[in-house]
Amino acid sequence: MRKHIISVLVENEFGVLSRIASLFSGRGFNIESLTVAETDDPTVSSMTIVTTGDDHIIEQITKQLNKLINVIKVVELTESTQMAREMVLIKFASGSGAKRLELLRLVEVYQGRVLELGPRSLVVELTGAREKIGTALKVLAPFGIREMARTGLVALGRDGAR
């Protein structure tokens, strides 16, 4: 089973997220990641849902989503029709000397930004493709990740995809 990205435009109203989550859980489908935010129109929200399944399962999911009253549009985004990014904030014990310099160099290699450099901690932001974030986390893990917050995937369709 492969990962699928489903983009959903919904009315920005109370209970919409709950109904969509219930649709997934009620049918035994897993949501791997979910991001939701207002669009340029405050009455509409955009959801990016990452799930796994075969083509039949994804077809079922999209049909069920389209039946929900507050859903405006559902599009499955394929690798060729989407641009997707993820963000992660990572807090490290700041360390000192050579270890700190090596950490800062690696953050730069992964095109990260240092958000806070304090006497006891270092906070870094990384943004990029999911694979890049995963690789960066493996490389940075030996520096002692104290805390981490990861957004999940956000995606837009390329021209003609939405």
C-alpha atoms as a PDB file:
ATOM      1  CA  MET A   1       0.000   0.000   0.000  1.00  0.00           C
ATOM      2  CA  ARG A   2       1.301   3.418  -0.895  1.00  0.00           C
ATOM      3  CA  LYS A   3       0.774   6.866   0.569  1.00  0.00           C
ATOM      4  CA  HIS A   4      -1.826   9.143  -0.954  1.00  0.00           C
ATOM      5  CA  ILE A   5      -2.295  12.879  -0.544  1.00  0.00           C
ATOM      6  CA  ILE A   6      -5.883  14.089  -0.617  1.00  0.00           C
ATOM      7  CA  SER A   7      -6.608  17.809  -0.816  1.00  0.00           C
ATOM      8  CA  VAL A   8     -10.023  18.821   0.475  1.00  0.00           C
ATOM      9  CA  LEU A   9     -11.663  22.249   0.366  1.00  0.00           C
ATOM     10  CA  VAL A  10     -14.331  22.605   3.040  1.00  0.00           C
ATOM     11  CA  GLU A  11     -16.611  25.246   4.442  1.00  0.00           C
ATOM     12  CA  ASN A  12     -14.889  26.769   7.453  1.00  0.00           C
ATOM     13  CA  GLU A  13     -17.546  25.789   9.977  1.00  0.00           C
ATOM     14  CA  PHE A  14     -17.812  24.151  13.366  1.00  0.00           C
ATOM     15  CA  GLY A  15     -17.725  20.334  13.269  1.00  0.00           C
ATOM     16  CA  VAL A  16     -16.367  19.812   9.725  1.00  0.00           C
ATOM     17  CA  LEU A  17     -13.038  18.417  10.931  1.00  0.00           C
ATOM     18  CA  SER A  18     -14.839  16.102  13.342  1.00  0.00           C
ATOM     19  CA  ARG A  19     -17.081  14.737  10.580  1.00  0.00           C
ATOM     20  CA  ILE A  20     -14.120  14.068   8.308  1.00  0.00           C
ATOM     21  CA  ALA A  21     -12.142  12.374  11.092  1.00  0.00           C
ATOM     22  CA  SER A  22     -15.220  10.276  11.934  1.00  0.00           C
ATOM     23  CA  LEU A  23     -15.554   9.227   8.302  1.00  0.00           C
ATOM     24  CA  PHE A  24     -12.003   7.871   8.373  1.00  0.00           C
ATOM     25  CA  SER A  25     -12.236   6.168  11.770  1.00  0.00           C
ATOM     26  CA  GLY A  26     -15.707   4.737  11.124  1.00  0.00           C
ATOM     27  CA  ARG A  27     -14.435   2.928   8.047  1.00  0.00           C
ATOM     28  CA  GLY A  28     -11.120   1.852   9.550  1.00  0.00           C
ATOM     29  CA  PHE A  29      -8.960   4.175   7.443  1.00  0.00           C
ATOM     30  CA  ASN A  30      -5.875   5.721   9.031  1.00  0.00           C
ATOM     31  CA  ILE A  31      -4.925   9.375   8.729  1.00  0.00           C
ATOM     32  CA  GLU A  32      -1.130   9.530   8.693  1.00  0.00           C
ATOM     33  CA  SER A  33      -1.053  13.325   8.778  1.00  0.00           C
ATOM     34  CA  LEU A  34      -3.624  16.089   8.614  1.00  0.00           C
ATOM     35  CA  THR A  35      -3.160  19.825   8.207  1.00  0.00           C
ATOM     36  CA  VAL A  36      -5.983  22.343   8.122  1.00  0.00           C
ATOM     37  CA  ALA A  37      -5.962  26.102   7.631  1.00  0.00           C
ATOM     38  CA  GLU A  38      -8.061  28.911   6.262  1.00  0.00           C
ATOM     39  CA  THR A  39      -7.576  29.805   2.614  1.00  0.00           C
ATOM     40  CA  ASP A  40      -7.499  33.344   1.262  1.00  0.00           C
ATOM     41  CA  ASP A  41     -11.280  33.188   1.729  1.00  0.00           C
ATOM     42  CA  PRO A  42     -11.999  33.010   5.500  1.00  0.00           C
ATOM     43  CA  THR A  43     -15.186  30.997   4.856  1.00  0.00           C
ATOM     44  CA  VAL A  44     -13.169  28.161   3.252  1.00  0.00           C
ATOM     45  CA  SER A  45     -10.486  25.922   4.746  1.00  0.00           C
ATOM     46  CA  SER A  46      -8.009  23.684   2.973  1.00  0.00           C
ATOM     47  CA  MET A  47      -7.182  20.253   4.352  1.00  0.00           C
ATOM     48  CA  THR A  48      -4.242  18.105   3.340  1.00  0.00           C
ATOM     49  CA  ILE A  49      -4.791  14.488   4.357  1.00  0.00           C
ATOM     50  CA  VAL A  50      -2.091  11.846   3.986  1.00  0.00           C
ATOM     51  CA  THR A  51      -3.336   8.273   4.154  1.00  0.00           C
ATOM     52  CA  THR A  52      -2.335   4.848   2.889  1.00  0.00           C
ATOM     53  CA  GLY A  53      -4.276   2.364   0.858  1.00  0.00           C
ATOM     54  CA  ASP A  54      -4.736   0.804  -2.518  1.00  0.00           C
ATOM     55  CA  ASP A  55      -6.572   2.562  -5.337  1.00  0.00           C
ATOM     56  CA  HIS A  56      -9.914   1.026  -4.328  1.00  0.00           C
ATOM     57  CA  ILE A  57      -9.638   2.336  -0.750  1.00  0.00           C
ATOM     58  CA  ILE A  58      -8.661   5.826  -1.953  1.00  0.00           C
ATOM     59  CA  GLU A  59     -11.595   5.830  -4.362  1.00  0.00           C
ATOM     60  CA  GLN A  60     -13.917   4.915  -1.459  1.00  0.00           C
ATOM     61  CA  ILE A  61     -12.445   7.695   0.683  1.00  0.00           C
ATOM     62  CA  THR A  62     -12.862  10.351  -2.009  1.00  0.00           C
ATOM     63  CA  LYS A  63     -16.445   9.259  -2.759  1.00  0.00           C
ATOM     64  CA  GLN A  64     -17.359   9.357   0.941  1.00  0.00           C
ATOM     65  CA  LEU A  65     -15.699  12.767   1.395  1.00  0.00           C
ATOM     66  CA  ASN A  66     -17.647  14.145  -1.569  1.00  0.00           C
ATOM     67  CA  LYS A  67     -20.911  13.065   0.105  1.00  0.00           C
ATOM     68  CA  LEU A  68     -20.288  15.243   3.171  1.00  0.00           C
ATOM     69  CA  ILE A  69     -22.360  18.440   3.125  1.00  0.00           C
ATOM     70  CA  ASN A  70     -19.576  20.911   4.016  1.00  0.00           C
ATOM     71  CA  VAL A  71     -17.089  19.515   1.495  1.00  0.00           C
ATOM     72  CA  ILE A  72     -16.588  21.765  -1.518  1.00  0.00           C
ATOM     73  CA  LYS A  73     -13.963  19.841  -3.498  1.00  0.00           C
ATOM     74  CA  VAL A  74     -11.832  16.690  -3.139  1.00  0.00           C
ATOM     75  CA  VAL A  75      -8.712  16.054  -5.222  1.00  0.00           C
ATOM     76  CA  GLU A  76      -6.172  13.267  -4.929  1.00  0.00           C
ATOM     77  CA  LEU A  77      -2.755  14.780  -5.560  1.00  0.00           C
ATOM     78  CA  THR A  78      -0.249  12.482  -7.245  1.00  0.00           C
ATOM     79  CA  GLU A  79       3.498  13.007  -7.310  1.00  0.00           C
ATOM     80  CA  SER A  80       3.256  14.610 -10.733  1.00  0.00           C
ATOM     81  CA  THR A  81       0.374  16.933  -9.781  1.00  0.00           C
ATOM     82  CA  GLN A  82       1.505  18.224  -6.388  1.00  0.00           C
ATOM     83  CA  MET A  83       4.047  20.287  -4.556  1.00  0.00           C
ATOM     84  CA  ALA A  84       4.310  19.197  -0.933  1.00  0.00           C
ATOM     85  CA  ARG A  85       6.334  20.419   2.028  1.00  0.00           C
ATOM     86  CA  GLU A  86       6.618  19.750   5.717  1.00  0.00           C
ATOM     87  CA  MET A  87       8.020  21.844   8.543  1.00  0.00           C
ATOM     88  CA  VAL A  88       9.646  20.782  11.775  1.00  0.00           C
ATOM     89  CA  LEU A  89      10.809  22.783  14.786  1.00  0.00           C
ATOM     90  CA  ILE A  90      13.587  21.098  16.758  1.00  0.00           C
ATOM     91  CA  LYS A  91      15.015  22.063  20.137  1.00  0.00           C
ATOM     92  CA  PHE A  92      18.521  20.848  20.997  1.00  0.00           C
ATOM     93  CA  ALA A  93      20.611  21.271  24.106  1.00  0.00           C
ATOM     94  CA  SER A  94      22.875  24.030  22.811  1.00  0.00           C
ATOM     95  CA  GLY A  95      26.164  22.383  23.699  1.00  0.00           C
ATOM     96  CA  SER A  96      29.360  24.309  23.163  1.00  0.00           C
ATOM     97  CA  GLY A  97      32.483  24.498  21.059  1.00  0.00           C
ATOM     98  CA  ALA A  98      33.013  22.085  18.195  1.00  0.00           C
ATOM     99  CA  LYS A  99      29.763  20.175  18.766  1.00  0.00           C
ATOM    100  CA  ARG A 100      27.699  23.359  18.512  1.00  0.00           C
ATOM    101  CA  LEU A 101      29.546  24.458  15.366  1.00  0.00           C
ATOM    102  CA  GLU A 102      29.012  21.049  13.745  1.00  0.00           C
ATOM    103  CA  LEU A 103      25.289  21.199  14.544  1.00  0.00           C
ATOM    104  CA  LEU A 104      25.033  24.705  13.062  1.00  0.00           C
ATOM    105  CA  ARG A 105      26.844  23.559   9.899  1.00  0.00           C
ATOM    106  CA  LEU A 106      24.483  20.613   9.477  1.00  0.00           C
ATOM    107  CA  VAL A 107      21.457  22.860   9.941  1.00  0.00           C
ATOM    108  CA  GLU A 108      22.860  25.038   7.150  1.00  0.00           C
ATOM    109  CA  VAL A 109      23.398  21.976   4.902  1.00  0.00           C
ATOM    110  CA  TYR A 110      19.696  21.155   5.271  1.00  0.00           C
ATOM    111  CA  GLN A 111      18.817  24.811   4.572  1.00  0.00           C
ATOM    112  CA  GLY A 112      17.434  25.222   8.061  1.00  0.00           C
ATOM    113  CA  ARG A 113      17.097  28.387  10.090  1.00  0.00           C
ATOM    114  CA  VAL A 114      18.192  28.960  13.648  1.00  0.00           C
ATOM    115  CA  LEU A 115      15.230  30.567  15.407  1.00  0.00           C
ATOM    116  CA  GLU A 116      16.759  30.839  18.850  1.00  0.00           C
ATOM    117  CA  LEU A 117      20.281  30.400  20.108  1.00  0.00           C
ATOM    118  CA  GLY A 118      20.275  30.586  23.873  1.00  0.00           C
ATOM    119  CA  PRO A 119      22.742  29.600  26.555  1.00  0.00           C
ATOM    120  CA  ARG A 120      20.927  26.295  27.228  1.00  0.00           C
ATOM    121  CA  SER A 121      19.126  25.487  23.992  1.00  0.00           C
ATOM    122  CA  LEU A 122      19.067  25.908  20.244  1.00  0.00           C
ATOM    123  CA  VAL A 123      15.814  25.971  18.235  1.00  0.00           C
ATOM    124  CA  VAL A 124      15.913  25.178  14.523  1.00  0.00           C
ATOM    125  CA  GLU A 125      13.310  25.271  11.738  1.00  0.00           C
ATOM    126  CA  LEU A 126      13.564  22.919   8.761  1.00  0.00           C
ATOM    127  CA  THR A 127      11.206  22.992   5.795  1.00  0.00           C
ATOM    128  CA  GLY A 128      11.178  20.727   2.774  1.00  0.00           C
ATOM    129  CA  ALA A 129      10.037  17.510   1.209  1.00  0.00           C
ATOM    130  CA  ARG A 130       9.057  14.789   3.665  1.00  0.00           C
ATOM    131  CA  GLU A 131      12.082  12.662   2.674  1.00  0.00           C
ATOM    132  CA  LYS A 132      14.475  15.578   3.283  1.00  0.00           C
ATOM    133  CA  ILE A 133      12.982  16.177   6.734  1.00  0.00           C
ATOM    134  CA  GLY A 134      13.268  12.471   7.576  1.00  0.00           C
ATOM    135  CA  THR A 135      16.910  12.339   6.487  1.00  0.00           C
ATOM    136  CA  ALA A 136      17.743  15.524   8.388  1.00  0.00           C
ATOM    137  CA  LEU A 137      16.179  14.143  11.568  1.00  0.00           C
ATOM    138  CA  LYS A 138      18.298  10.973  11.314  1.00  0.00           C
ATOM    139  CA  VAL A 139      21.470  13.027  10.836  1.00  0.00           C
ATOM    140  CA  LEU A 140      20.621  15.495  13.620  1.00  0.00           C
ATOM    141  CA  ALA A 141      19.387  12.921  16.172  1.00  0.00           C
ATOM    142  CA  PRO A 142      22.869  12.249  17.641  1.00  0.00           C
ATOM    143  CA  PHE A 143      22.994  15.898  18.766  1.00  0.00           C
ATOM    144  CA  GLY A 144      20.255  15.169  21.292  1.00  0.00           C
ATOM    145  CA  ILE A 145      16.831  16.341  20.208  1.00  0.00           C
ATOM    146  CA  ARG A 146      15.144  17.615  23.382  1.00  0.00           C
ATOM    147  CA  GLU A 147      11.812  18.496  21.820  1.00  0.00           C
ATOM    148  CA  MET A 148      10.265  18.452  18.370  1.00  0.00           C
ATOM    149  CA  ALA A 149       7.057  19.645  16.665  1.00  0.00           C
ATOM    150  CA  ARG A 150       6.300  18.479  13.133  1.00  0.00           C
ATOM    151  CA  THR A 151       3.510  19.912  10.970  1.00  0.00           C
ATOM    152  CA  GLY A 152       2.634  17.037   8.713  1.00  0.00           C
ATOM    153  CA  LEU A 153       2.413  17.540   4.994  1.00  0.00           C
ATOM    154  CA  VAL A 154       0.949  20.584   3.290  1.00  0.00           C
ATOM    155  CA  ALA A 155       0.389  20.359  -0.446  1.00  0.00           C
ATOM    156  CA  LEU A 156      -0.878  22.324  -3.399  1.00  0.00           C
ATOM    157  CA  GLY A 157      -1.856  21.045  -6.790  1.00  0.00           C
ATOM    158  CA  ARG A 158       0.195  22.206  -9.737  1.00  0.00           C
ATOM    159  CA  ASP A 159      -1.542  24.036 -12.585  1.00  0.00           C
ATOM    160  CA  GLY A 160      -4.584  22.070 -13.632  1.00  0.00           C
ATOM    161  CA  ALA A 161      -4.601  19.783 -10.576  1.00  0.00           C
ATOM    162  CA  ARG A 162      -7.149  21.691  -8.538  1.00  0.00           C
END
